Amino acid sequence: VQLQASGRGLVQAGGSLRLSCAASRNIFAINIMGWYRQAPGKQRGMVAIMSLGGTTNYADSVKGRSTISRDNDKNTVDLQMSSLKSEDTAVYYCVARKLHPYSEYWGQGTQVTVSS
């Protein structure tokens, strides 16, 4: 599965953005779709993930101001974020995870910069 992420790169603090990730093939068999991010000098960490059944999990830092959604017909997973802060600045990666057998796919990453 190839993943292509897109979305606005530079956003003002307090603003919002929507990241979109398109998969190269259908995601009906993909158990987990989601987003991770990596800020400079930090490890990559989960932002939000969504299971095939619709269960979501958000990092505490984005909970309440982020919404993840997946469209299995369009093979996309989107991340809507609002009330952006400078600490949201990072490279955002789309991930697709199949559990049985286990396989994991990553998108190329898209830079998000929040200016204060």
N, C-alpha and C. Protein backbone atom coordinates (compact mmCIF):
# COMPACT_ATOMS: atom_id res chain seq x y z
N VAL A 1 0.85 -1.19 0.00
CA VAL A 1 0.00 0.00 0.00
C VAL A 1 0.88 1.24 0.00
N GLN A 2 0.65 2.11 -0.92
CA GLN A 2 1.34 3.39 -0.92
C GLN A 2 0.40 4.46 -0.38
N LEU A 3 0.97 5.33 0.45
CA LEU A 3 0.17 6.36 1.09
C LEU A 3 0.68 7.73 0.68
N GLN A 4 -0.22 8.57 0.26
CA GLN A 4 0.13 9.92 -0.17
C GLN A 4 -0.60 10.92 0.70
N ALA A 5 0.18 11.68 1.47
CA ALA A 5 -0.41 12.68 2.36
C ALA A 5 -0.42 14.04 1.70
N SER A 6 -1.40 14.82 2.04
CA SER A 6 -1.49 16.19 1.54
C SER A 6 -2.17 17.05 2.60
N GLY A 7 -1.92 18.34 2.52
CA GLY A 7 -2.51 19.26 3.48
C GLY A 7 -1.70 20.53 3.57
N ARG A 8 -2.30 21.53 4.21
CA ARG A 8 -1.66 22.84 4.29
C ARG A 8 -0.41 22.79 5.13
N GLY A 9 0.66 23.45 4.69
CA GLY A 9 1.94 23.37 5.36
C GLY A 9 2.14 24.42 6.43
N LEU A 10 1.73 25.65 6.21
CA LEU A 10 1.97 26.75 7.16
C LEU A 10 0.63 27.29 7.65
N VAL A 11 0.47 27.28 8.96
CA VAL A 11 -0.78 27.69 9.56
C VAL A 11 -0.48 28.61 10.74
N GLN A 12 -1.33 29.57 10.96
CA GLN A 12 -1.15 30.46 12.11
C GLN A 12 -1.67 29.79 13.37
N ALA A 13 -1.05 30.13 14.47
CA ALA A 13 -1.51 29.61 15.76
C ALA A 13 -2.97 29.99 15.97
N GLY A 14 -3.71 29.04 16.47
CA GLY A 14 -5.14 29.24 16.66
C GLY A 14 -5.97 28.83 15.47
N GLY A 15 -5.31 28.59 14.37
CA GLY A 15 -6.01 28.21 13.16
C GLY A 15 -6.29 26.72 13.09
N SER A 16 -6.71 26.29 11.94
CA SER A 16 -7.05 24.88 11.76
C SER A 16 -6.45 24.37 10.45
N LEU A 17 -6.38 23.07 10.36
CA LEU A 17 -5.91 22.46 9.12
C LEU A 17 -6.55 21.10 8.95
N ARG A 18 -6.49 20.63 7.74
CA ARG A 18 -6.98 19.29 7.43
C ARG A 18 -5.92 18.57 6.62
N LEU A 19 -5.48 17.47 7.13
CA LEU A 19 -4.55 16.61 6.40
C LEU A 19 -5.32 15.45 5.81
N SER A 20 -4.94 15.08 4.62
CA SER A 20 -5.60 13.96 3.96
C SER A 20 -4.56 12.96 3.48
N CYS A 21 -4.90 11.70 3.59
CA CYS A 21 -4.00 10.63 3.16
C CYS A 21 -4.78 9.70 2.24
N ALA A 22 -4.24 9.51 1.06
CA ALA A 22 -4.88 8.64 0.09
C ALA A 22 -4.07 7.37 -0.08
N ALA A 23 -4.73 6.23 0.01
CA ALA A 23 -4.06 4.94 -0.17
C ALA A 23 -4.17 4.50 -1.62
N SER A 24 -3.18 3.75 -2.05
CA SER A 24 -3.11 3.34 -3.45
C SER A 24 -4.07 2.20 -3.78
N ARG A 25 -4.58 1.55 -2.75
CA ARG A 25 -5.56 0.50 -2.98
C ARG A 25 -6.57 0.50 -1.85
N ASN A 26 -7.57 -0.35 -1.97
CA ASN A 26 -8.65 -0.30 -0.99
C ASN A 26 -8.16 -0.65 0.40
N ILE A 27 -8.75 -0.01 1.38
CA ILE A 27 -8.30 -0.14 2.76
C ILE A 27 -9.27 -0.96 3.60
N PHE A 28 -10.12 -1.74 2.94
CA PHE A 28 -11.07 -2.56 3.70
C PHE A 28 -10.35 -3.57 4.58
N ALA A 29 -9.17 -4.01 4.14
CA ALA A 29 -8.43 -5.01 4.92
C ALA A 29 -7.41 -4.38 5.86
N ILE A 30 -7.36 -3.06 5.89
CA ILE A 30 -6.41 -2.37 6.75
C ILE A 30 -7.06 -2.11 8.10
N ASN A 31 -6.52 -2.73 9.14
CA ASN A 31 -7.14 -2.65 10.45
C ASN A 31 -7.05 -1.26 11.06
N ILE A 32 -5.88 -0.66 10.93
CA ILE A 32 -5.65 0.64 11.57
C ILE A 32 -5.16 1.63 10.53
N MET A 33 -5.79 2.79 10.49
CA MET A 33 -5.30 3.91 9.70
C MET A 33 -5.08 5.06 10.67
N GLY A 34 -4.08 5.86 10.40
CA GLY A 34 -3.89 6.96 11.33
C GLY A 34 -2.77 7.90 10.97
N TRP A 35 -2.47 8.74 11.96
CA TRP A 35 -1.47 9.78 11.78
C TRP A 35 -0.51 9.79 12.96
N TYR A 36 0.75 9.93 12.62
CA TYR A 36 1.81 10.14 13.59
C TYR A 36 2.50 11.45 13.24
N ARG A 37 3.30 11.94 14.15
CA ARG A 37 4.07 13.14 13.85
C ARG A 37 5.42 13.09 14.54
N GLN A 38 6.36 13.83 13.96
CA GLN A 38 7.70 13.90 14.52
C GLN A 38 8.17 15.33 14.47
N ALA A 39 8.38 15.89 15.64
CA ALA A 39 8.91 17.25 15.74
C ALA A 39 10.43 17.18 15.76
N PRO A 40 11.10 18.25 15.43
CA PRO A 40 12.57 18.25 15.43
C PRO A 40 13.13 17.84 16.78
N GLY A 41 14.05 16.90 16.76
CA GLY A 41 14.69 16.46 17.99
C GLY A 41 13.84 15.55 18.85
N LYS A 42 12.68 15.14 18.36
CA LYS A 42 11.79 14.28 19.15
C LYS A 42 11.47 13.01 18.41
N GLN A 43 11.01 12.02 19.15
CA GLN A 43 10.63 10.76 18.52
C GLN A 43 9.26 10.90 17.86
N ARG A 44 9.07 10.03 16.90
CA ARG A 44 7.77 10.01 16.24
C ARG A 44 6.73 9.48 17.22
N GLY A 45 5.60 10.15 17.27
CA GLY A 45 4.55 9.74 18.19
C GLY A 45 3.19 9.76 17.54
N MET A 46 2.28 9.00 18.11
CA MET A 46 0.93 8.90 17.57
C MET A 46 0.18 10.20 17.77
N VAL A 47 -0.57 10.57 16.75
CA VAL A 47 -1.49 11.70 16.87
C VAL A 47 -2.91 11.17 17.01
N ALA A 48 -3.31 10.35 16.06
CA ALA A 48 -4.65 9.78 16.09
C ALA A 48 -4.68 8.55 15.20
N ILE A 49 -5.42 7.54 15.65
CA ILE A 49 -5.59 6.35 14.84
C ILE A 49 -7.07 5.94 14.87
N MET A 50 -7.43 5.18 13.85
CA MET A 50 -8.82 4.75 13.75
C MET A 50 -8.86 3.33 13.23
N SER A 51 -9.61 2.49 13.89
CA SER A 51 -9.71 1.10 13.48
C SER A 51 -10.74 0.94 12.37
N LEU A 52 -10.74 -0.23 11.80
CA LEU A 52 -11.72 -0.55 10.74
C LEU A 52 -13.14 -0.42 11.28
N GLY A 53 -13.31 -0.70 12.55
CA GLY A 53 -14.63 -0.62 13.15
C GLY A 53 -15.02 0.76 13.61
N GLY A 54 -14.10 1.71 13.47
CA GLY A 54 -14.42 3.09 13.83
C GLY A 54 -13.93 3.54 15.19
N THR A 55 -13.27 2.65 15.92
CA THR A 55 -12.73 3.05 17.22
C THR A 55 -11.55 4.00 17.01
N THR A 56 -11.53 5.07 17.77
CA THR A 56 -10.47 6.07 17.63
C THR A 56 -9.64 6.17 18.90
N ASN A 57 -8.44 6.63 18.70
CA ASN A 57 -7.54 6.88 19.83
C ASN A 57 -6.74 8.13 19.49
N TYR A 58 -6.70 9.06 20.42
CA TYR A 58 -6.01 10.33 20.20
C TYR A 58 -4.92 10.53 21.25
N ALA A 59 -3.86 11.17 20.83
CA ALA A 59 -2.86 11.59 21.80
C ALA A 59 -3.49 12.65 22.71
N ASP A 60 -3.08 12.64 23.96
CA ASP A 60 -3.64 13.61 24.90
C ASP A 60 -3.45 15.04 24.43
N SER A 61 -2.35 15.29 23.77
CA SER A 61 -2.01 16.65 23.35
C SER A 61 -2.95 17.21 22.28
N VAL A 62 -3.67 16.33 21.60
CA VAL A 62 -4.57 16.79 20.53
C VAL A 62 -6.03 16.46 20.81
N LYS A 63 -6.26 15.74 21.88
CA LYS A 63 -7.61 15.33 22.21
C LYS A 63 -8.50 16.55 22.42
N GLY A 64 -9.68 16.50 21.85
CA GLY A 64 -10.62 17.59 21.99
C GLY A 64 -10.52 18.65 20.91
N ARG A 65 -9.46 18.62 20.15
CA ARG A 65 -9.32 19.60 19.06
C ARG A 65 -8.92 18.92 17.76
N SER A 66 -9.04 17.61 17.74
CA SER A 66 -8.70 16.86 16.52
C SER A 66 -9.77 15.82 16.24
N THR A 67 -9.97 15.56 14.96
CA THR A 67 -10.90 14.51 14.55
C THR A 67 -10.30 13.73 13.40
N ILE A 68 -10.25 12.44 13.58
CA ILE A 68 -9.77 11.57 12.51
C ILE A 68 -10.98 10.90 11.86
N SER A 69 -10.90 10.74 10.56
CA SER A 69 -11.98 10.07 9.85
C SER A 69 -11.38 9.24 8.73
N ARG A 70 -12.03 8.16 8.42
CA ARG A 70 -11.58 7.34 7.29
C ARG A 70 -12.77 7.04 6.40
N ASP A 71 -12.49 6.98 5.13
CA ASP A 71 -13.51 6.68 4.14
C ASP A 71 -13.04 5.45 3.38
N ASN A 72 -13.62 4.31 3.70
CA ASN A 72 -13.18 3.06 3.09
C ASN A 72 -13.56 2.96 1.62
N ASP A 73 -14.50 3.76 1.18
CA ASP A 73 -14.86 3.76 -0.24
C ASP A 73 -13.87 4.58 -1.06
N LYS A 74 -13.40 5.67 -0.46
CA LYS A 74 -12.45 6.54 -1.15
C LYS A 74 -11.00 6.20 -0.81
N ASN A 75 -10.82 5.26 0.14
CA ASN A 75 -9.48 4.86 0.55
C ASN A 75 -8.68 6.02 1.12
N THR A 76 -9.31 6.79 1.95
CA THR A 76 -8.64 7.94 2.53
C THR A 76 -8.81 7.98 4.05
N VAL A 77 -7.86 8.62 4.69
CA VAL A 77 -7.99 8.91 6.11
C VAL A 77 -7.59 10.36 6.29
N ASP A 78 -8.41 11.12 6.98
CA ASP A 78 -8.19 12.54 7.16
C ASP A 78 -8.01 12.87 8.63
N LEU A 79 -7.29 13.97 8.84
CA LEU A 79 -7.10 14.47 10.21
C LEU A 79 -7.45 15.95 10.21
N GLN A 80 -8.44 16.30 10.98
CA GLN A 80 -8.83 17.69 11.13
C GLN A 80 -8.33 18.16 12.49
N MET A 81 -7.58 19.26 12.49
CA MET A 81 -7.05 19.80 13.74
C MET A 81 -7.41 21.28 13.85
N SER A 82 -7.75 21.70 15.03
CA SER A 82 -8.09 23.10 15.25
C SER A 82 -7.32 23.61 16.47
N SER A 83 -7.46 24.89 16.73
CA SER A 83 -6.75 25.55 17.84
C SER A 83 -5.28 25.18 17.83
N LEU A 84 -4.68 25.31 16.69
CA LEU A 84 -3.30 24.86 16.52
C LEU A 84 -2.35 25.67 17.38
N LYS A 85 -1.32 24.97 17.86
CA LYS A 85 -0.30 25.57 18.70
C LYS A 85 1.06 25.38 18.06
N SER A 86 2.03 26.15 18.52
CA SER A 86 3.36 26.01 17.94
C SER A 86 3.90 24.60 18.16
N GLU A 87 3.51 23.97 19.25
CA GLU A 87 3.99 22.61 19.50
C GLU A 87 3.38 21.56 18.58
N ASP A 88 2.44 21.96 17.76
CA ASP A 88 1.92 21.04 16.74
C ASP A 88 2.81 21.01 15.51
N THR A 89 3.79 21.88 15.47
CA THR A 89 4.73 21.89 14.35
C THR A 89 5.49 20.58 14.31
N ALA A 90 5.42 19.92 13.17
CA ALA A 90 6.05 18.60 13.02
C ALA A 90 5.86 18.12 11.60
N VAL A 91 6.55 17.04 11.30
CA VAL A 91 6.26 16.32 10.06
C VAL A 91 5.20 15.28 10.41
N TYR A 92 4.12 15.28 9.68
CA TYR A 92 3.00 14.38 9.93
C TYR A 92 3.05 13.23 8.93
N TYR A 93 2.92 12.03 9.47
CA TYR A 93 2.98 10.82 8.67
C TYR A 93 1.68 10.05 8.75
N CYS A 94 1.25 9.60 7.62
CA CYS A 94 0.10 8.72 7.54
C CYS A 94 0.58 7.28 7.70
N VAL A 95 -0.18 6.46 8.40
CA VAL A 95 0.21 5.07 8.60
C VAL A 95 -0.99 4.16 8.35
N ALA A 96 -0.68 3.00 7.79
CA ALA A 96 -1.69 1.96 7.59
C ALA A 96 -1.14 0.68 8.20
N ARG A 97 -1.93 0.02 8.99
CA ARG A 97 -1.45 -1.13 9.73
C ARG A 97 -2.43 -2.29 9.58
N LYS A 98 -1.90 -3.39 9.06
CA LYS A 98 -2.69 -4.61 8.95
C LYS A 98 -2.18 -5.58 10.01
N LEU A 99 -3.09 -6.18 10.75
CA LEU A 99 -2.67 -6.96 11.90
C LEU A 99 -2.37 -8.42 11.60
N HIS A 100 -3.12 -9.05 10.69
CA HIS A 100 -2.93 -10.47 10.46
C HIS A 100 -2.86 -10.78 8.97
N PRO A 101 -1.71 -11.11 8.40
CA PRO A 101 -0.40 -11.01 9.06
C PRO A 101 0.00 -9.55 9.21
N TYR A 102 0.91 -9.31 10.14
CA TYR A 102 1.24 -7.92 10.43
C TYR A 102 2.02 -7.29 9.30
N SER A 103 1.58 -6.10 8.90
CA SER A 103 2.32 -5.30 7.94
C SER A 103 1.99 -3.84 8.22
N GLU A 104 2.93 -2.99 7.92
CA GLU A 104 2.79 -1.57 8.24
C GLU A 104 3.32 -0.75 7.08
N TYR A 105 2.61 0.29 6.77
CA TYR A 105 2.97 1.14 5.65
C TYR A 105 2.95 2.60 6.11
N TRP A 106 3.92 3.36 5.63
CA TRP A 106 4.04 4.77 6.01
C TRP A 106 4.02 5.65 4.77
N GLY A 107 3.39 6.79 4.92
CA GLY A 107 3.45 7.80 3.89
C GLY A 107 4.76 8.56 3.98
N GLN A 108 4.98 9.46 3.05
CA GLN A 108 6.26 10.16 2.97
C GLN A 108 6.39 11.29 3.98
N GLY A 109 5.33 11.67 4.62
CA GLY A 109 5.38 12.75 5.59
C GLY A 109 5.08 14.09 4.94
N THR A 110 4.37 14.91 5.68
CA THR A 110 4.06 16.26 5.21
C THR A 110 4.35 17.24 6.35
N GLN A 111 5.07 18.30 6.04
CA GLN A 111 5.47 19.26 7.05
C GLN A 111 4.32 20.18 7.41
N VAL A 112 4.08 20.32 8.69
CA VAL A 112 3.11 21.29 9.20
C VAL A 112 3.86 22.24 10.12
N THR A 113 3.77 23.51 9.83
CA THR A 113 4.42 24.53 10.65
C THR A 113 3.36 25.50 11.17
N VAL A 114 3.32 25.64 12.47
CA VAL A 114 2.37 26.56 13.10
C VAL A 114 3.14 27.78 13.56
N SER A 115 2.79 28.92 13.00
CA SER A 115 3.50 30.15 13.33
C SER A 115 2.72 30.93 14.39
N SER A 116 3.47 31.50 15.31
CA SER A 116 2.81 32.26 16.40
C SER A 116 2.77 33.74 16.08
